[in-house]
Amino acid sequence: MIRNCLLLFVFTLILASCTTRHVEPTRSSRRTIDTLYQKQVLMLQPRMDSACAVISDSLFQSAVDSLLTLRHREMKDLIQ
């Protein structure tokens, strides 16, 4: 009996949630969304900065190594 009632309740919720009406956020919900977003950005900013620093250091070192290898080859070609 309880199971049937629960299934009926869930089915009713599913039918009630289906709509083709376009939903626009209200001014207060937009403010709430913006506030939550800003808090998440502030919380994640140190992680993002450190990840960017690691990536840029890695890319810089890779570029330097690549250029050094290229210049060594050019110097060897000039010597020969």
N, C-alpha and C. Protein backbone atom coordinates (compact mmCIF):
# COMPACT_ATOMS: atom_id res chain seq x y z
N MET A 1 0.82 -1.18 0.00
CA MET A 1 0.00 0.00 0.00
C MET A 1 0.87 1.26 0.00
N ILE A 2 1.88 1.31 0.89
CA ILE A 2 2.76 2.46 0.97
C ILE A 2 3.56 2.59 -0.33
N ARG A 3 3.94 1.45 -0.86
CA ARG A 3 4.72 1.46 -2.10
C ARG A 3 3.88 2.04 -3.24
N ASN A 4 2.63 1.67 -3.33
CA ASN A 4 1.74 2.19 -4.37
C ASN A 4 1.54 3.69 -4.22
N CYS A 5 1.39 4.15 -2.99
CA CYS A 5 1.23 5.59 -2.75
C CYS A 5 2.49 6.34 -3.14
N LEU A 6 3.64 5.78 -2.81
CA LEU A 6 4.90 6.41 -3.15
C LEU A 6 5.08 6.48 -4.67
N LEU A 7 4.75 5.40 -5.36
CA LEU A 7 4.85 5.39 -6.82
C LEU A 7 3.89 6.41 -7.44
N LEU A 8 2.70 6.52 -6.91
CA LEU A 8 1.73 7.49 -7.41
C LEU A 8 2.24 8.91 -7.17
N PHE A 9 2.82 9.15 -6.00
CA PHE A 9 3.36 10.46 -5.68
C PHE A 9 4.50 10.84 -6.62
N VAL A 10 5.41 9.91 -6.86
CA VAL A 10 6.54 10.16 -7.76
C VAL A 10 6.04 10.41 -9.17
N PHE A 11 5.09 9.62 -9.62
CA PHE A 11 4.53 9.77 -10.96
C PHE A 11 3.86 11.14 -11.10
N THR A 12 3.15 11.57 -10.07
CA THR A 12 2.50 12.88 -10.08
C THR A 12 3.53 14.00 -10.15
N LEU A 13 4.62 13.86 -9.39
CA LEU A 13 5.68 14.87 -9.43
C LEU A 13 6.31 14.95 -10.81
N ILE A 14 6.52 13.81 -11.43
CA ILE A 14 7.12 13.78 -12.76
C ILE A 14 6.22 14.49 -13.76
N LEU A 15 4.93 14.18 -13.71
CA LEU A 15 4.00 14.82 -14.63
C LEU A 15 3.89 16.32 -14.37
N ALA A 16 3.91 16.72 -13.12
CA ALA A 16 3.79 18.14 -12.78
C ALA A 16 5.04 18.91 -13.19
N SER A 17 6.19 18.26 -13.22
CA SER A 17 7.42 18.96 -13.56
C SER A 17 7.61 19.14 -15.05
N CYS A 18 6.89 18.41 -15.86
CA CYS A 18 7.00 18.53 -17.32
C CYS A 18 6.22 19.75 -17.78
N THR A 19 6.93 20.71 -18.35
CA THR A 19 6.27 21.91 -18.85
C THR A 19 7.02 22.43 -20.06
N THR A 20 6.32 23.08 -20.94
CA THR A 20 6.95 23.69 -22.10
C THR A 20 7.09 25.19 -21.89
N ARG A 21 6.65 25.68 -20.76
CA ARG A 21 6.72 27.10 -20.44
C ARG A 21 8.17 27.49 -20.20
N HIS A 22 8.57 28.60 -20.80
CA HIS A 22 9.93 29.10 -20.62
C HIS A 22 10.03 29.75 -19.25
N VAL A 23 11.03 29.35 -18.48
CA VAL A 23 11.19 29.85 -17.13
C VAL A 23 12.29 30.91 -17.12
N GLU A 24 11.96 32.09 -16.66
CA GLU A 24 12.92 33.18 -16.53
C GLU A 24 13.30 33.33 -15.07
N PRO A 25 14.59 33.46 -14.78
CA PRO A 25 14.99 33.67 -13.38
C PRO A 25 14.55 35.06 -12.91
N THR A 26 14.17 35.12 -11.66
CA THR A 26 13.77 36.40 -11.09
C THR A 26 15.00 37.20 -10.71
N ARG A 27 14.79 38.46 -10.36
CA ARG A 27 15.90 39.32 -9.98
C ARG A 27 16.61 38.77 -8.75
N SER A 28 15.84 38.29 -7.78
CA SER A 28 16.46 37.76 -6.56
C SER A 28 17.19 36.45 -6.82
N SER A 29 16.64 35.61 -7.71
CA SER A 29 17.35 34.36 -8.01
C SER A 29 18.63 34.64 -8.79
N ARG A 30 18.60 35.66 -9.65
CA ARG A 30 19.83 36.03 -10.37
C ARG A 30 20.88 36.54 -9.40
N ARG A 31 20.47 37.32 -8.42
CA ARG A 31 21.39 37.83 -7.41
C ARG A 31 21.98 36.66 -6.61
N THR A 32 21.12 35.70 -6.26
CA THR A 32 21.59 34.52 -5.52
C THR A 32 22.57 33.71 -6.34
N ILE A 33 22.25 33.50 -7.60
CA ILE A 33 23.15 32.75 -8.49
C ILE A 33 24.48 33.47 -8.63
N ASP A 34 24.44 34.79 -8.80
CA ASP A 34 25.67 35.57 -8.94
C ASP A 34 26.50 35.49 -7.66
N THR A 35 25.86 35.58 -6.52
CA THR A 35 26.57 35.50 -5.25
C THR A 35 27.24 34.14 -5.08
N LEU A 36 26.51 33.07 -5.38
CA LEU A 36 27.08 31.73 -5.27
C LEU A 36 28.26 31.55 -6.23
N TYR A 37 28.11 32.07 -7.43
CA TYR A 37 29.18 31.98 -8.41
C TYR A 37 30.43 32.71 -7.92
N GLN A 38 30.24 33.92 -7.43
CA GLN A 38 31.37 34.71 -6.94
C GLN A 38 32.08 34.02 -5.78
N LYS A 39 31.32 33.42 -4.88
CA LYS A 39 31.92 32.70 -3.76
C LYS A 39 32.74 31.52 -4.25
N GLN A 40 32.22 30.79 -5.23
CA GLN A 40 32.95 29.65 -5.78
C GLN A 40 34.23 30.10 -6.48
N VAL A 41 34.15 31.19 -7.23
CA VAL A 41 35.34 31.71 -7.92
C VAL A 41 36.40 32.10 -6.90
N LEU A 42 35.98 32.82 -5.85
CA LEU A 42 36.94 33.23 -4.83
C LEU A 42 37.56 32.02 -4.13
N MET A 43 36.77 30.98 -3.94
CA MET A 43 37.27 29.78 -3.27
C MET A 43 38.25 29.02 -4.18
N LEU A 44 37.96 28.99 -5.49
CA LEU A 44 38.78 28.22 -6.42
C LEU A 44 39.95 29.02 -7.00
N GLN A 45 39.96 30.33 -6.81
CA GLN A 45 41.00 31.17 -7.42
C GLN A 45 42.41 30.75 -7.05
N PRO A 46 42.72 30.47 -5.78
CA PRO A 46 44.10 30.03 -5.47
C PRO A 46 44.50 28.75 -6.19
N ARG A 47 43.57 27.80 -6.30
CA ARG A 47 43.87 26.55 -7.03
C ARG A 47 44.14 26.83 -8.50
N MET A 48 43.27 27.67 -9.10
CA MET A 48 43.44 27.98 -10.51
C MET A 48 44.76 28.71 -10.75
N ASP A 49 45.11 29.64 -9.86
CA ASP A 49 46.36 30.37 -10.00
C ASP A 49 47.57 29.45 -9.91
N SER A 50 47.54 28.53 -8.95
CA SER A 50 48.68 27.62 -8.82
C SER A 50 48.76 26.66 -10.01
N ALA A 51 47.62 26.22 -10.51
CA ALA A 51 47.62 25.35 -11.69
C ALA A 51 48.17 26.10 -12.90
N CYS A 52 47.76 27.35 -13.05
CA CYS A 52 48.28 28.16 -14.17
C CYS A 52 49.78 28.37 -14.04
N ALA A 53 50.24 28.60 -12.82
CA ALA A 53 51.68 28.81 -12.61
C ALA A 53 52.45 27.56 -12.97
N VAL A 54 51.98 26.41 -12.56
CA VAL A 54 52.65 25.14 -12.88
C VAL A 54 52.66 24.91 -14.38
N ILE A 55 51.52 25.13 -15.00
CA ILE A 55 51.42 24.91 -16.45
C ILE A 55 52.31 25.88 -17.21
N SER A 56 52.28 27.16 -16.83
CA SER A 56 53.09 28.13 -17.56
C SER A 56 54.57 27.87 -17.35
N ASP A 57 54.97 27.50 -16.13
CA ASP A 57 56.37 27.16 -15.89
C ASP A 57 56.79 25.97 -16.74
N SER A 58 55.92 24.98 -16.81
CA SER A 58 56.21 23.78 -17.59
C SER A 58 56.32 24.12 -19.08
N LEU A 59 55.37 24.92 -19.58
CA LEU A 59 55.41 25.30 -20.99
C LEU A 59 56.63 26.15 -21.30
N PHE A 60 56.97 27.07 -20.40
CA PHE A 60 58.14 27.92 -20.60
C PHE A 60 59.41 27.08 -20.66
N GLN A 61 59.55 26.15 -19.73
CA GLN A 61 60.74 25.30 -19.71
C GLN A 61 60.81 24.43 -20.96
N SER A 62 59.67 23.93 -21.40
CA SER A 62 59.63 23.12 -22.63
C SER A 62 60.04 23.95 -23.84
N ALA A 63 59.56 25.18 -23.90
CA ALA A 63 59.92 26.06 -25.02
C ALA A 63 61.41 26.38 -25.00
N VAL A 64 61.95 26.66 -23.83
CA VAL A 64 63.39 26.95 -23.70
C VAL A 64 64.20 25.74 -24.14
N ASP A 65 63.83 24.56 -23.67
CA ASP A 65 64.55 23.35 -24.05
C ASP A 65 64.51 23.12 -25.55
N SER A 66 63.34 23.37 -26.14
CA SER A 66 63.18 23.19 -27.58
C SER A 66 64.07 24.17 -28.35
N LEU A 67 64.08 25.42 -27.91
CA LEU A 67 64.92 26.41 -28.58
C LEU A 67 66.39 26.10 -28.42
N LEU A 68 66.79 25.66 -27.24
CA LEU A 68 68.20 25.31 -27.03
C LEU A 68 68.62 24.17 -27.94
N THR A 69 67.77 23.17 -28.05
CA THR A 69 68.08 22.03 -28.93
C THR A 69 68.20 22.50 -30.37
N LEU A 70 67.28 23.36 -30.79
CA LEU A 70 67.32 23.87 -32.16
C LEU A 70 68.58 24.69 -32.40
N ARG A 71 68.94 25.55 -31.49
CA ARG A 71 70.14 26.39 -31.65
C ARG A 71 71.41 25.55 -31.64
N HIS A 72 71.46 24.50 -30.83
CA HIS A 72 72.63 23.60 -30.83
C HIS A 72 72.78 22.92 -32.18
N ARG A 73 71.66 22.48 -32.74
CA ARG A 73 71.71 21.86 -34.06
C ARG A 73 72.20 22.86 -35.11
N GLU A 74 71.70 24.09 -35.05
CA GLU A 74 72.13 25.11 -36.00
C GLU A 74 73.62 25.40 -35.87
N MET A 75 74.12 25.44 -34.62
CA MET A 75 75.55 25.69 -34.42
C MET A 75 76.38 24.53 -34.96
N LYS A 76 75.93 23.31 -34.77
CA LYS A 76 76.66 22.15 -35.30
C LYS A 76 76.67 22.19 -36.81
N ASP A 77 75.53 22.57 -37.42
CA ASP A 77 75.48 22.65 -38.89
C ASP A 77 76.43 23.73 -39.41
N LEU A 78 76.55 24.83 -38.70
CA LEU A 78 77.47 25.90 -39.13
C LEU A 78 78.93 25.47 -39.02
N ILE A 79 79.23 24.70 -38.00
CA ILE A 79 80.60 24.22 -37.79
C ILE A 79 81.00 23.23 -38.87
N GLN A 80 80.11 22.41 -39.29
CA GLN A 80 80.42 21.36 -40.28
C GLN A 80 80.49 21.89 -41.65
